[in-house]
């Protein structure tokens, strides 16, 4: 099951795929946000098909009700370009409800063992490599294969689309977090919760929506 918003899911995962700006000989990172959609304490664990290539911090954690956790995934420096910049690596985020007394950093080892009665939810994420940034100051092209060069021919258009997608996802995420903050306020009856903060978050959402509309109206770069 993929990421995204769904009331029946324990967690939502943003974004729905890991995108790395691949550069030869350099490490790069991607952040994932895990949002607890429930009033329960939910533990998660991150797995990958290529554990030697990536550092995941934290790779397991307990997220409190209606709260969220940011995971940083680091792709270690690679010595060669993958064929046609295609990546077959996959990530899996498992989640399960745990008792409120569970230590936030000490998830019991049997939490994600499927032989238990506990329901385990799974989110699968694919990995995408994007083109490196501008080449060296001398203007020399990177030593890519012909297939990789063809992949980068439409780079400005691809970047515009990526920016549009990112703005759209951030807008949706902010709207969802605003709704969760409202729920948390009602649930906890927190009289000190600032309505001005809610208005601020809403304003950010509107601003991102404006940016998204602007990007949609912009002609593709030549």
N, C-alpha and C. Protein backbone atom coordinates (compact mmCIF):
# COMPACT_ATOMS: atom_id res chain seq x y z
N UNK A 1 0.85 -1.17 0.00
CA UNK A 1 0.00 0.00 0.00
C UNK A 1 0.88 1.22 0.00
N UNK A 2 0.52 2.25 -0.76
CA UNK A 2 1.36 3.42 -0.90
C UNK A 2 1.06 4.44 0.15
N UNK A 3 1.78 5.63 0.06
CA UNK A 3 1.55 6.69 1.00
C UNK A 3 0.33 7.49 0.60
N UNK A 4 0.13 8.64 1.28
CA UNK A 4 -1.00 9.49 0.94
C UNK A 4 -1.99 9.55 2.08
N UNK A 5 -3.09 10.26 1.85
CA UNK A 5 -4.08 10.48 2.89
C UNK A 5 -5.17 9.44 2.80
N UNK A 6 -5.48 8.85 3.94
CA UNK A 6 -6.59 7.92 4.00
C UNK A 6 -6.93 7.71 5.46
N UNK A 7 -8.20 7.95 5.82
CA UNK A 7 -8.60 7.86 7.21
C UNK A 7 -8.40 6.49 7.81
N UNK A 8 -8.36 5.44 6.97
CA UNK A 8 -8.22 4.08 7.48
C UNK A 8 -6.76 3.70 7.72
N UNK A 9 -5.84 4.56 7.31
CA UNK A 9 -4.43 4.26 7.47
C UNK A 9 -3.90 4.80 8.79
N UNK A 10 -3.01 4.03 9.40
CA UNK A 10 -2.40 4.49 10.65
C UNK A 10 -1.54 5.72 10.41
N UNK A 11 -0.77 5.68 9.33
CA UNK A 11 0.13 6.79 9.03
C UNK A 11 -0.02 7.23 7.58
N UNK A 12 0.38 8.45 7.32
CA UNK A 12 0.56 8.94 5.96
C UNK A 12 2.04 9.24 5.77
N UNK A 13 2.51 9.05 4.55
CA UNK A 13 3.93 9.23 4.25
C UNK A 13 4.08 10.25 3.12
N UNK A 14 4.90 11.27 3.34
CA UNK A 14 5.14 12.30 2.34
C UNK A 14 6.64 12.46 2.14
N UNK A 15 7.16 12.54 0.90
CA UNK A 15 6.43 12.31 -0.35
C UNK A 15 6.21 10.82 -0.57
N UNK A 16 5.62 10.45 -1.70
CA UNK A 16 5.30 9.06 -1.96
C UNK A 16 6.44 8.33 -2.67
N UNK A 17 7.52 9.04 -2.97
CA UNK A 17 8.71 8.41 -3.52
C UNK A 17 9.93 9.20 -3.05
N UNK A 18 11.08 8.54 -2.98
CA UNK A 18 12.30 9.19 -2.53
C UNK A 18 13.05 9.70 -3.76
N UNK A 19 13.31 11.00 -3.80
CA UNK A 19 14.00 11.60 -4.94
C UNK A 19 15.36 12.12 -4.49
N UNK A 20 16.41 11.64 -5.16
CA UNK A 20 17.77 12.05 -4.83
C UNK A 20 18.39 12.77 -6.03
N UNK A 21 18.99 13.94 -5.77
CA UNK A 21 19.74 14.64 -6.81
C UNK A 21 21.12 13.99 -6.93
N UNK A 22 21.21 12.99 -7.80
CA UNK A 22 22.40 12.14 -7.88
C UNK A 22 23.60 12.91 -8.44
N UNK A 23 24.71 12.87 -7.70
CA UNK A 23 25.97 13.43 -8.18
C UNK A 23 27.08 12.43 -7.88
N UNK A 24 27.89 12.16 -8.89
CA UNK A 24 28.95 11.17 -8.75
C UNK A 24 29.92 11.55 -7.63
N UNK A 25 30.19 10.60 -6.74
CA UNK A 25 31.16 10.82 -5.68
C UNK A 25 30.66 11.68 -4.54
N UNK A 26 29.36 12.02 -4.52
CA UNK A 26 28.83 12.86 -3.46
C UNK A 26 27.60 12.20 -2.82
N UNK A 27 27.49 12.33 -1.52
CA UNK A 27 26.30 11.82 -0.85
C UNK A 27 25.18 12.85 -0.98
N UNK A 28 23.95 12.39 -0.94
CA UNK A 28 22.80 13.30 -0.99
C UNK A 28 21.70 12.70 -0.11
N UNK A 29 20.74 13.53 0.24
CA UNK A 29 19.73 13.04 1.18
C UNK A 29 18.33 13.43 0.73
N UNK A 30 17.36 12.75 1.33
CA UNK A 30 15.95 13.01 1.07
C UNK A 30 15.20 12.85 2.39
N UNK A 31 14.30 13.77 2.69
CA UNK A 31 13.51 13.71 3.92
C UNK A 31 12.15 13.07 3.64
N UNK A 32 11.73 12.23 4.57
CA UNK A 32 10.39 11.63 4.52
C UNK A 32 9.66 12.07 5.78
N UNK A 33 8.39 12.42 5.64
CA UNK A 33 7.59 12.80 6.81
C UNK A 33 6.54 11.73 7.05
N UNK A 34 6.54 11.19 8.27
CA UNK A 34 5.56 10.20 8.69
C UNK A 34 4.57 10.88 9.63
N UNK A 35 3.28 10.84 9.28
CA UNK A 35 2.24 11.51 10.06
C UNK A 35 1.32 10.46 10.67
N UNK A 36 1.15 10.53 11.99
CA UNK A 36 0.25 9.63 12.70
C UNK A 36 -1.18 10.15 12.55
N UNK A 37 -2.04 9.36 11.89
CA UNK A 37 -3.41 9.78 11.62
C UNK A 37 -4.40 9.39 12.72
N UNK A 38 -3.91 8.86 13.83
CA UNK A 38 -4.81 8.28 14.83
C UNK A 38 -4.60 8.89 16.21
N UNK A 39 -5.46 8.48 17.14
CA UNK A 39 -5.32 8.89 18.54
C UNK A 39 -4.48 7.89 19.32
N UNK A 40 -3.86 6.95 18.63
CA UNK A 40 -3.01 5.94 19.27
C UNK A 40 -1.53 6.29 19.10
N UNK A 41 -0.69 5.64 19.90
CA UNK A 41 0.75 5.70 19.69
C UNK A 41 1.10 4.68 18.60
N UNK A 42 1.80 5.13 17.57
CA UNK A 42 2.11 4.28 16.43
C UNK A 42 3.62 4.20 16.24
N UNK A 43 4.13 2.98 16.17
CA UNK A 43 5.56 2.77 15.90
C UNK A 43 5.76 2.51 14.42
N UNK A 44 6.90 2.94 13.91
CA UNK A 44 7.22 2.65 12.52
C UNK A 44 8.66 2.12 12.41
N UNK A 45 8.91 1.40 11.33
CA UNK A 45 10.24 0.88 11.04
C UNK A 45 10.50 0.99 9.55
N UNK A 46 11.71 1.44 9.18
CA UNK A 46 12.05 1.63 7.77
C UNK A 46 13.00 0.53 7.31
N UNK A 47 12.65 -0.10 6.19
CA UNK A 47 13.49 -1.13 5.59
C UNK A 47 13.79 -0.75 4.15
N UNK A 48 14.91 -1.26 3.62
CA UNK A 48 15.26 -1.00 2.23
C UNK A 48 15.89 -2.24 1.61
N UNK A 49 15.76 -2.35 0.30
CA UNK A 49 16.35 -3.49 -0.41
C UNK A 49 17.87 -3.34 -0.56
N UNK A 50 18.40 -2.14 -0.29
CA UNK A 50 19.85 -1.90 -0.42
C UNK A 50 20.37 -1.20 0.82
N UNK A 51 20.42 -1.90 1.95
CA UNK A 51 20.80 -1.26 3.22
C UNK A 51 22.23 -0.71 3.24
N UNK A 52 23.12 -1.23 2.39
CA UNK A 52 24.50 -0.76 2.39
C UNK A 52 24.66 0.59 1.68
N UNK A 53 23.66 0.98 0.90
CA UNK A 53 23.76 2.23 0.14
C UNK A 53 23.19 3.42 0.90
N UNK A 54 22.35 3.15 1.91
CA UNK A 54 21.61 4.25 2.54
C UNK A 54 21.80 4.26 4.05
N UNK A 55 21.81 5.48 4.62
CA UNK A 55 21.70 5.69 6.06
C UNK A 55 20.30 6.22 6.33
N UNK A 56 19.61 5.62 7.29
CA UNK A 56 18.25 6.05 7.62
C UNK A 56 18.21 6.45 9.09
N UNK A 57 17.87 7.72 9.35
CA UNK A 57 17.82 8.21 10.72
C UNK A 57 16.58 9.06 10.94
N UNK A 58 15.72 8.68 11.91
CA UNK A 58 15.74 7.40 12.62
C UNK A 58 15.09 6.32 11.76
N UNK A 59 15.52 5.09 11.95
CA UNK A 59 14.91 4.00 11.16
C UNK A 59 13.76 3.34 11.92
N UNK A 60 13.61 3.67 13.19
CA UNK A 60 12.45 3.21 13.96
C UNK A 60 12.15 4.24 15.04
N UNK A 61 10.87 4.40 15.35
CA UNK A 61 10.47 5.43 16.31
C UNK A 61 8.99 5.25 16.64
N UNK A 62 8.56 5.79 17.77
CA UNK A 62 7.16 5.84 18.12
C UNK A 62 6.66 7.26 17.92
N UNK A 63 5.56 7.40 17.17
CA UNK A 63 4.98 8.71 16.91
C UNK A 63 3.72 8.86 17.76
N UNK A 64 3.64 9.94 18.51
CA UNK A 64 2.51 10.17 19.39
C UNK A 64 1.26 10.52 18.60
N UNK A 65 0.07 10.43 19.22
CA UNK A 65 -1.19 10.70 18.51
C UNK A 65 -1.20 12.05 17.79
N UNK A 66 -1.62 12.04 16.54
CA UNK A 66 -1.76 13.23 15.69
C UNK A 66 -0.45 13.98 15.51
N UNK A 67 0.67 13.31 15.78
CA UNK A 67 1.97 13.96 15.65
C UNK A 67 2.67 13.45 14.39
N UNK A 68 3.88 13.91 14.15
CA UNK A 68 4.62 13.49 12.96
C UNK A 68 6.10 13.34 13.28
N UNK A 69 6.83 12.70 12.37
CA UNK A 69 8.26 12.46 12.53
C UNK A 69 8.93 12.58 11.17
N UNK A 70 10.02 13.31 11.11
CA UNK A 70 10.79 13.44 9.87
C UNK A 70 11.93 12.43 9.86
N UNK A 71 12.04 11.69 8.77
CA UNK A 71 13.11 10.70 8.59
C UNK A 71 14.05 11.22 7.52
N UNK A 72 15.34 11.19 7.78
CA UNK A 72 16.33 11.60 6.79
C UNK A 72 17.02 10.36 6.22
N UNK A 73 16.90 10.19 4.90
CA UNK A 73 17.53 9.07 4.20
C UNK A 73 18.71 9.62 3.39
N UNK A 74 19.90 9.12 3.66
CA UNK A 74 21.11 9.59 2.98
C UNK A 74 21.63 8.53 2.02
N UNK A 75 21.76 8.90 0.76
CA UNK A 75 22.37 8.03 -0.24
C UNK A 75 23.87 8.26 -0.19
N UNK A 76 24.64 7.22 0.13
CA UNK A 76 26.08 7.36 0.22
C UNK A 76 26.68 7.64 -1.16
N UNK A 77 27.85 8.26 -1.15
CA UNK A 77 28.54 8.60 -2.40
C UNK A 77 28.74 7.35 -3.25
N UNK A 78 28.38 7.46 -4.53
CA UNK A 78 28.51 6.34 -5.46
C UNK A 78 29.65 6.60 -6.45
N UNK A 79 30.32 5.54 -6.86
CA UNK A 79 31.50 5.66 -7.73
C UNK A 79 31.17 5.59 -9.21
N UNK A 80 29.92 5.27 -9.54
CA UNK A 80 29.54 5.22 -10.95
C UNK A 80 28.06 5.53 -11.10
N UNK A 81 27.71 5.96 -12.30
CA UNK A 81 26.30 6.27 -12.57
C UNK A 81 25.54 4.97 -12.83
N UNK A 82 24.31 4.89 -12.34
CA UNK A 82 23.48 3.72 -12.67
C UNK A 82 23.07 3.78 -14.13
N UNK A 83 22.77 2.65 -14.70
CA UNK A 83 22.39 2.57 -16.10
C UNK A 83 21.16 3.44 -16.37
N UNK A 84 21.33 4.41 -17.28
CA UNK A 84 20.23 5.31 -17.66
C UNK A 84 19.60 6.02 -16.46
N UNK A 85 20.37 6.16 -15.39
CA UNK A 85 19.90 6.84 -14.17
C UNK A 85 18.64 6.21 -13.59
N UNK A 86 18.47 4.92 -13.82
CA UNK A 86 17.32 4.21 -13.28
C UNK A 86 17.72 3.52 -11.97
N UNK A 87 16.84 3.54 -11.00
CA UNK A 87 17.12 2.92 -9.70
C UNK A 87 16.03 1.91 -9.36
N UNK A 88 16.44 0.71 -8.98
CA UNK A 88 15.49 -0.35 -8.64
C UNK A 88 15.33 -0.52 -7.13
N UNK A 89 16.01 0.33 -6.36
CA UNK A 89 15.90 0.22 -4.91
C UNK A 89 14.49 0.54 -4.44
N UNK A 90 14.10 -0.10 -3.37
CA UNK A 90 12.77 0.11 -2.80
C UNK A 90 12.90 0.32 -1.28
N UNK A 91 11.95 1.07 -0.73
CA UNK A 91 11.86 1.26 0.72
C UNK A 91 10.50 0.79 1.20
N UNK A 92 10.48 0.26 2.42
CA UNK A 92 9.25 -0.20 3.04
C UNK A 92 9.15 0.41 4.44
N UNK A 93 8.03 1.07 4.72
CA UNK A 93 7.79 1.62 6.05
C UNK A 93 6.65 0.83 6.68
N UNK A 94 6.97 0.10 7.75
CA UNK A 94 5.96 -0.66 8.48
C UNK A 94 5.50 0.15 9.68
N UNK A 95 4.23 0.03 10.02
CA UNK A 95 3.71 0.74 11.19
C UNK A 95 2.73 -0.14 11.94
N UNK A 96 2.64 0.09 13.25
CA UNK A 96 1.75 -0.70 14.10
C UNK A 96 1.45 0.10 15.37
N UNK A 97 0.27 -0.12 15.93
CA UNK A 97 -0.13 0.53 17.18
C UNK A 97 0.62 -0.12 18.34
N UNK A 98 1.13 0.69 19.25
CA UNK A 98 1.84 0.20 20.43
C UNK A 98 1.24 0.84 21.68
N UNK A 99 1.47 0.26 22.85
CA UNK A 99 0.95 0.84 24.10
C UNK A 99 1.53 2.24 24.35
N UNK A 100 0.77 3.13 24.97
CA UNK A 100 1.27 4.49 25.26
C UNK A 100 2.53 4.50 26.11
N UNK A 101 2.75 3.44 26.87
CA UNK A 101 3.92 3.37 27.75
C UNK A 101 5.21 3.04 26.99
N UNK A 102 5.11 2.72 25.70
CA UNK A 102 6.30 2.35 24.92
C UNK A 102 7.24 3.52 24.81
N UNK A 103 8.52 3.27 25.06
CA UNK A 103 9.53 4.32 24.94
C UNK A 103 9.62 4.76 23.48
N UNK A 104 9.70 6.08 23.28
CA UNK A 104 9.68 6.62 21.92
C UNK A 104 10.86 6.12 21.08
N UNK A 105 12.01 5.83 21.71
CA UNK A 105 13.20 5.40 20.99
C UNK A 105 13.48 3.90 21.14
N UNK A 106 12.70 3.21 21.94
CA UNK A 106 12.96 1.79 22.21
C UNK A 106 11.74 0.96 21.81
N UNK A 107 11.59 0.74 20.53
CA UNK A 107 10.46 -0.04 20.04
C UNK A 107 10.74 -1.52 20.29
N UNK A 108 9.82 -2.25 20.92
CA UNK A 108 10.04 -3.69 21.18
C UNK A 108 10.37 -4.44 19.89
N UNK A 109 11.33 -5.36 19.93
CA UNK A 109 11.79 -6.04 18.71
C UNK A 109 10.71 -6.87 18.01
N UNK A 110 9.69 -7.30 18.74
CA UNK A 110 8.65 -8.13 18.12
C UNK A 110 7.47 -7.31 17.59
N UNK A 111 7.60 -5.97 17.59
CA UNK A 111 6.50 -5.10 17.18
C UNK A 111 6.06 -5.39 15.75
N UNK A 112 7.01 -5.69 14.88
CA UNK A 112 6.69 -5.87 13.46
C UNK A 112 6.81 -7.34 13.03
N UNK A 113 6.72 -8.24 14.00
CA UNK A 113 6.70 -9.66 13.69
C UNK A 113 5.28 -10.07 13.35
N UNK A 114 5.10 -10.58 12.16
CA UNK A 114 3.74 -10.83 11.66
C UNK A 114 3.04 -12.02 12.32
N UNK A 115 3.76 -12.77 13.15
CA UNK A 115 3.12 -13.90 13.82
C UNK A 115 2.28 -13.42 15.01
N UNK A 116 2.46 -12.17 15.41
CA UNK A 116 1.68 -11.64 16.54
C UNK A 116 0.29 -11.26 16.06
N UNK A 117 -0.57 -10.91 17.00
CA UNK A 117 -1.94 -10.51 16.68
C UNK A 117 -2.01 -9.06 16.20
N UNK A 118 -0.93 -8.36 16.32
CA UNK A 118 -0.93 -6.94 15.98
C UNK A 118 -1.02 -6.73 14.47
N UNK A 119 -1.90 -5.83 14.05
CA UNK A 119 -2.03 -5.50 12.62
C UNK A 119 -0.86 -4.62 12.20
N UNK A 120 -0.22 -4.98 11.09
CA UNK A 120 0.94 -4.24 10.60
C UNK A 120 0.58 -3.62 9.25
N UNK A 121 0.77 -2.32 9.16
CA UNK A 121 0.50 -1.60 7.92
C UNK A 121 1.82 -1.36 7.20
N UNK A 122 1.79 -1.41 5.86
CA UNK A 122 3.02 -1.27 5.08
C UNK A 122 2.85 -0.22 3.99
N UNK A 123 3.86 0.63 3.86
CA UNK A 123 3.91 1.63 2.80
C UNK A 123 5.18 1.37 1.97
N UNK A 124 5.02 1.20 0.68
CA UNK A 124 6.16 0.95 -0.20
C UNK A 124 6.51 2.22 -0.97
N UNK A 125 7.79 2.57 -0.99
CA UNK A 125 8.27 3.76 -1.67
C UNK A 125 9.36 3.39 -2.67
N UNK A 126 9.27 3.92 -3.87
CA UNK A 126 10.32 3.68 -4.84
C UNK A 126 11.33 4.82 -4.79
N UNK A 127 12.48 4.61 -5.41
CA UNK A 127 13.56 5.59 -5.40
C UNK A 127 13.75 6.15 -6.81
N UNK A 128 13.90 7.46 -6.90
CA UNK A 128 14.10 8.13 -8.19
C UNK A 128 15.38 8.96 -8.11
N UNK A 129 16.24 8.80 -9.13
CA UNK A 129 17.44 9.63 -9.24
C UNK A 129 17.17 10.74 -10.25
N UNK A 130 17.46 11.98 -9.88
CA UNK A 130 17.35 13.09 -10.82
C UNK A 130 18.74 13.48 -11.30
N UNK A 131 18.78 14.28 -12.36
CA UNK A 131 20.04 14.70 -12.95
C UNK A 131 20.85 15.52 -11.96
N UNK A 132 22.18 15.45 -12.04
CA UNK A 132 23.00 16.31 -11.19
C UNK A 132 22.80 17.77 -11.55
N UNK A 133 23.30 18.68 -10.71
CA UNK A 133 23.17 20.11 -10.98
C UNK A 133 24.03 20.52 -12.16
N UNK A 134 24.27 21.81 -12.25
CA UNK A 134 25.08 22.29 -13.37
C UNK A 134 26.45 21.63 -13.34
N UNK A 135 27.02 21.42 -14.53
CA UNK A 135 28.35 20.81 -14.61
C UNK A 135 29.39 21.79 -14.10
N UNK A 136 30.65 21.41 -14.16
CA UNK A 136 31.75 22.22 -13.61
C UNK A 136 31.80 23.58 -14.30
N UNK A 137 32.54 24.53 -13.69
CA UNK A 137 32.60 25.89 -14.20
C UNK A 137 33.16 25.96 -15.61
N UNK A 138 33.95 24.98 -15.98
CA UNK A 138 34.54 24.97 -17.32
C UNK A 138 33.50 24.65 -18.38
N UNK A 139 32.29 24.19 -17.93
CA UNK A 139 31.24 23.89 -18.87
C UNK A 139 31.35 22.52 -19.48
N UNK A 140 32.29 21.71 -18.99
CA UNK A 140 32.45 20.37 -19.52
C UNK A 140 31.30 19.50 -19.06
N UNK A 141 30.80 18.66 -19.93
CA UNK A 141 29.68 17.78 -19.58
C UNK A 141 30.16 16.66 -18.70
N UNK A 142 29.27 16.14 -17.87
CA UNK A 142 29.60 15.00 -17.03
C UNK A 142 29.75 13.76 -17.90
N UNK A 143 30.59 12.79 -17.49
CA UNK A 143 30.84 11.60 -18.30
C UNK A 143 29.69 10.62 -18.20
N UNK A 144 28.55 10.96 -18.82
CA UNK A 144 27.38 10.11 -18.76
C UNK A 144 27.28 9.28 -20.03
N UNK A 145 26.56 8.19 -19.91
CA UNK A 145 26.30 7.38 -21.08
C UNK A 145 25.32 8.10 -21.99
N UNK A 146 25.23 7.66 -23.24
CA UNK A 146 24.30 8.30 -24.18
C UNK A 146 22.87 8.20 -23.67
N UNK A 147 22.53 7.07 -23.11
CA UNK A 147 21.18 6.91 -22.58
C UNK A 147 20.90 7.93 -21.48
N UNK A 148 21.92 8.18 -20.61
CA UNK A 148 21.74 9.14 -19.54
C UNK A 148 21.62 10.54 -20.09
N UNK A 149 22.41 10.85 -21.15
CA UNK A 149 22.33 12.17 -21.75
C UNK A 149 20.93 12.44 -22.27
N UNK A 150 20.33 11.45 -22.91
CA UNK A 150 18.99 11.62 -23.42
C UNK A 150 18.01 11.88 -22.28
N UNK A 151 18.29 11.25 -21.14
CA UNK A 151 17.42 11.45 -19.99
C UNK A 151 17.41 12.90 -19.55
N UNK A 152 18.55 13.63 -19.74
CA UNK A 152 18.67 14.99 -19.24
C UNK A 152 18.30 16.04 -20.29
N UNK A 153 17.94 15.63 -21.51
CA UNK A 153 17.65 16.61 -22.56
C UNK A 153 16.54 17.56 -22.16
N UNK A 154 15.52 17.04 -21.49
CA UNK A 154 14.37 17.85 -21.10
C UNK A 154 14.43 18.25 -19.63
N UNK A 155 15.65 18.45 -19.13
CA UNK A 155 15.84 18.73 -17.71
C UNK A 155 15.05 19.94 -17.22
N UNK A 156 15.05 21.12 -17.95
CA UNK A 156 14.27 22.26 -17.45
C UNK A 156 12.79 21.94 -17.28
N UNK A 157 12.22 21.21 -18.25
CA UNK A 157 10.81 20.83 -18.15
C UNK A 157 10.59 19.90 -16.96
N UNK A 158 11.53 18.95 -16.78
CA UNK A 158 11.41 18.01 -15.67
C UNK A 158 11.47 18.75 -14.34
N UNK A 159 12.38 19.72 -14.25
CA UNK A 159 12.51 20.48 -13.00
C UNK A 159 11.24 21.27 -12.71
N UNK A 160 10.65 21.86 -13.76
CA UNK A 160 9.41 22.60 -13.57
C UNK A 160 8.32 21.69 -13.05
N UNK A 161 8.22 20.49 -13.63
CA UNK A 161 7.20 19.54 -13.18
C UNK A 161 7.46 19.11 -11.74
N UNK A 162 8.74 18.89 -11.40
CA UNK A 162 9.07 18.48 -10.03
C UNK A 162 8.69 19.58 -9.04
N UNK A 163 8.95 20.85 -9.44
CA UNK A 163 8.60 21.96 -8.55
C UNK A 163 7.09 22.06 -8.37
N UNK A 164 6.34 21.84 -9.48
CA UNK A 164 4.89 21.86 -9.38
C UNK A 164 4.40 20.77 -8.44
N UNK A 165 4.93 19.54 -8.63
CA UNK A 165 4.51 18.41 -7.79
C UNK A 165 4.85 18.67 -6.33
N UNK A 166 6.06 19.22 -6.08
CA UNK A 166 6.48 19.47 -4.70
C UNK A 166 5.58 20.52 -4.05
N UNK A 167 5.25 21.59 -4.79
CA UNK A 167 4.38 22.63 -4.24
C UNK A 167 2.99 22.07 -3.95
N UNK A 168 2.49 21.22 -4.85
CA UNK A 168 1.17 20.62 -4.66
C UNK A 168 1.16 19.74 -3.42
N UNK A 169 2.20 18.89 -3.26
CA UNK A 169 2.26 17.99 -2.11
C UNK A 169 2.40 18.78 -0.81
N UNK A 170 3.22 19.84 -0.83
CA UNK A 170 3.39 20.65 0.38
C UNK A 170 2.08 21.34 0.77
N UNK A 171 1.34 21.79 -0.25
CA UNK A 171 0.06 22.43 0.02
C UNK A 171 -0.91 21.45 0.67
N UNK A 172 -0.97 20.21 0.11
CA UNK A 172 -1.85 19.20 0.69
C UNK A 172 -1.42 18.85 2.11
N UNK A 173 -0.10 18.75 2.31
CA UNK A 173 0.41 18.37 3.63
C UNK A 173 0.07 19.44 4.67
N UNK A 174 0.25 20.71 4.29
CA UNK A 174 -0.06 21.79 5.23
C UNK A 174 -1.54 21.81 5.57
N UNK A 175 -2.40 21.58 4.57
CA UNK A 175 -3.83 21.55 4.85
C UNK A 175 -4.18 20.40 5.79
N UNK A 176 -3.51 19.25 5.59
CA UNK A 176 -3.78 18.10 6.47
C UNK A 176 -3.28 18.37 7.89
N UNK A 177 -2.10 18.99 8.01
CA UNK A 177 -1.56 19.30 9.33
C UNK A 177 -2.44 20.33 10.04
N UNK A 178 -3.00 21.28 9.27
CA UNK A 178 -3.91 22.25 9.87
C UNK A 178 -5.12 21.55 10.46
N UNK A 179 -5.66 20.58 9.71
CA UNK A 179 -6.82 19.83 10.19
C UNK A 179 -6.46 19.02 11.44
N UNK A 180 -5.25 18.42 11.45
CA UNK A 180 -4.83 17.64 12.62
C UNK A 180 -4.65 18.54 13.84
N UNK A 181 -4.11 19.75 13.61
CA UNK A 181 -3.94 20.68 14.72
C UNK A 181 -5.30 21.07 15.31
N UNK A 182 -6.30 21.26 14.44
CA UNK A 182 -7.64 21.57 14.93
C UNK A 182 -8.19 20.42 15.77
N UNK A 183 -7.98 19.17 15.26
CA UNK A 183 -8.46 18.00 16.01
C UNK A 183 -7.76 17.91 17.36
N UNK A 184 -6.44 18.15 17.34
CA UNK A 184 -5.68 18.05 18.58
C UNK A 184 -6.16 19.10 19.58
N UNK A 185 -6.49 20.30 19.10
CA UNK A 185 -6.98 21.36 19.99
C UNK A 185 -8.30 20.95 20.63
N UNK A 186 -9.22 20.41 19.79
CA UNK A 186 -10.52 19.99 20.31
C UNK A 186 -10.36 18.85 21.31
N UNK A 187 -9.47 17.89 20.94
CA UNK A 187 -9.30 16.68 21.77
C UNK A 187 -8.70 17.02 23.13
N UNK A 188 -7.71 17.93 23.12
CA UNK A 188 -7.01 18.25 24.36
C UNK A 188 -7.63 19.45 25.08
N UNK A 189 -8.57 20.16 24.39
CA UNK A 189 -9.19 21.37 24.95
C UNK A 189 -8.12 22.32 25.45
N UNK A 190 -7.14 22.55 24.62
CA UNK A 190 -5.99 23.38 24.98
C UNK A 190 -6.34 24.85 24.76
N UNK A 191 -6.69 25.54 25.85
CA UNK A 191 -7.10 26.94 25.74
C UNK A 191 -5.96 27.83 25.33
N UNK A 192 -4.73 27.36 25.50
CA UNK A 192 -3.59 28.20 25.16
C UNK A 192 -3.16 28.06 23.72
N UNK A 193 -3.84 27.22 22.98
CA UNK A 193 -3.46 27.01 21.57
C UNK A 193 -3.77 28.26 20.77
N UNK A 194 -2.83 28.74 20.02
CA UNK A 194 -2.96 30.02 19.33
C UNK A 194 -3.71 29.88 18.02
N UNK A 195 -4.86 30.57 17.93
CA UNK A 195 -5.60 30.60 16.66
C UNK A 195 -4.79 31.35 15.61
N UNK A 196 -3.95 32.28 16.07
CA UNK A 196 -3.11 33.00 15.13
C UNK A 196 -2.16 32.05 14.41
N UNK A 197 -1.70 31.00 15.13
CA UNK A 197 -0.82 30.01 14.49
C UNK A 197 -1.56 29.25 13.40
N UNK A 198 -2.83 28.89 13.68
CA UNK A 198 -3.64 28.21 12.66
C UNK A 198 -3.79 29.10 11.44
N UNK A 199 -4.02 30.40 11.67
CA UNK A 199 -4.17 31.32 10.55
C UNK A 199 -2.86 31.42 9.77
N UNK A 200 -1.74 31.38 10.49
CA UNK A 200 -0.43 31.45 9.84
C UNK A 200 -0.21 30.24 8.94
N UNK A 201 -0.53 29.03 9.47
CA UNK A 201 -0.38 27.82 8.67
C UNK A 201 -1.29 27.86 7.46
N UNK A 202 -2.52 28.35 7.65
CA UNK A 202 -3.44 28.46 6.53
C UNK A 202 -2.92 29.42 5.48
N UNK A 203 -2.30 30.52 5.92
CA UNK A 203 -1.75 31.49 4.98
C UNK A 203 -0.63 30.87 4.14
N UNK A 204 0.19 30.03 4.80
CA UNK A 204 1.26 29.34 4.06
C UNK A 204 0.66 28.44 2.99
N UNK A 205 -0.43 27.73 3.35
CA UNK A 205 -1.09 26.87 2.38
C UNK A 205 -1.59 27.65 1.19
N UNK A 206 -2.20 28.83 1.44
CA UNK A 206 -2.69 29.66 0.35
C UNK A 206 -1.53 30.16 -0.51
N UNK A 207 -0.41 30.49 0.13
CA UNK A 207 0.75 30.96 -0.62
C UNK A 207 1.29 29.87 -1.53
N UNK A 208 1.37 28.64 -1.01
CA UNK A 208 1.84 27.53 -1.83
C UNK A 208 0.88 27.26 -2.98
N UNK A 209 -0.43 27.42 -2.72
CA UNK A 209 -1.40 27.26 -3.79
C UNK A 209 -1.18 28.30 -4.88
N UNK A 210 -0.86 29.54 -4.49
CA UNK A 210 -0.59 30.59 -5.47
C UNK A 210 0.65 30.24 -6.28
N UNK A 211 1.71 29.74 -5.59
CA UNK A 211 2.94 29.36 -6.30
C UNK A 211 2.66 28.24 -7.28
N UNK A 212 1.82 27.26 -6.86
CA UNK A 212 1.47 26.15 -7.74
C UNK A 212 0.77 26.65 -8.99
N UNK A 213 -0.19 27.59 -8.81
CA UNK A 213 -0.89 28.14 -9.97
C UNK A 213 0.06 28.91 -10.87
N UNK A 214 1.01 29.63 -10.28
CA UNK A 214 1.99 30.36 -11.05
C UNK A 214 2.86 29.44 -11.88
N UNK A 215 3.30 28.33 -11.25
CA UNK A 215 4.13 27.37 -11.96
C UNK A 215 3.35 26.72 -13.10
N UNK A 216 2.06 26.45 -12.86
CA UNK A 216 1.24 25.82 -13.89
C UNK A 216 1.09 26.73 -15.09
N UNK A 217 1.07 28.05 -14.84
CA UNK A 217 0.88 29.00 -15.93
C UNK A 217 2.17 29.34 -16.64
N UNK A 218 3.32 28.99 -16.03
CA UNK A 218 4.61 29.32 -16.63
C UNK A 218 4.91 28.44 -17.81
N UNK A 219 5.40 29.00 -18.92
CA UNK A 219 5.74 28.18 -20.09
C UNK A 219 6.97 27.36 -19.79
N UNK A 220 7.09 26.14 -20.31
CA UNK A 220 8.28 25.32 -20.10
C UNK A 220 9.53 26.01 -20.57
N UNK A 221 10.63 25.84 -19.83
CA UNK A 221 11.90 26.44 -20.24
C UNK A 221 12.44 25.73 -21.46
N UNK A 222 13.05 26.52 -22.35
CA UNK A 222 13.62 25.90 -23.56
C UNK A 222 14.95 25.25 -23.24
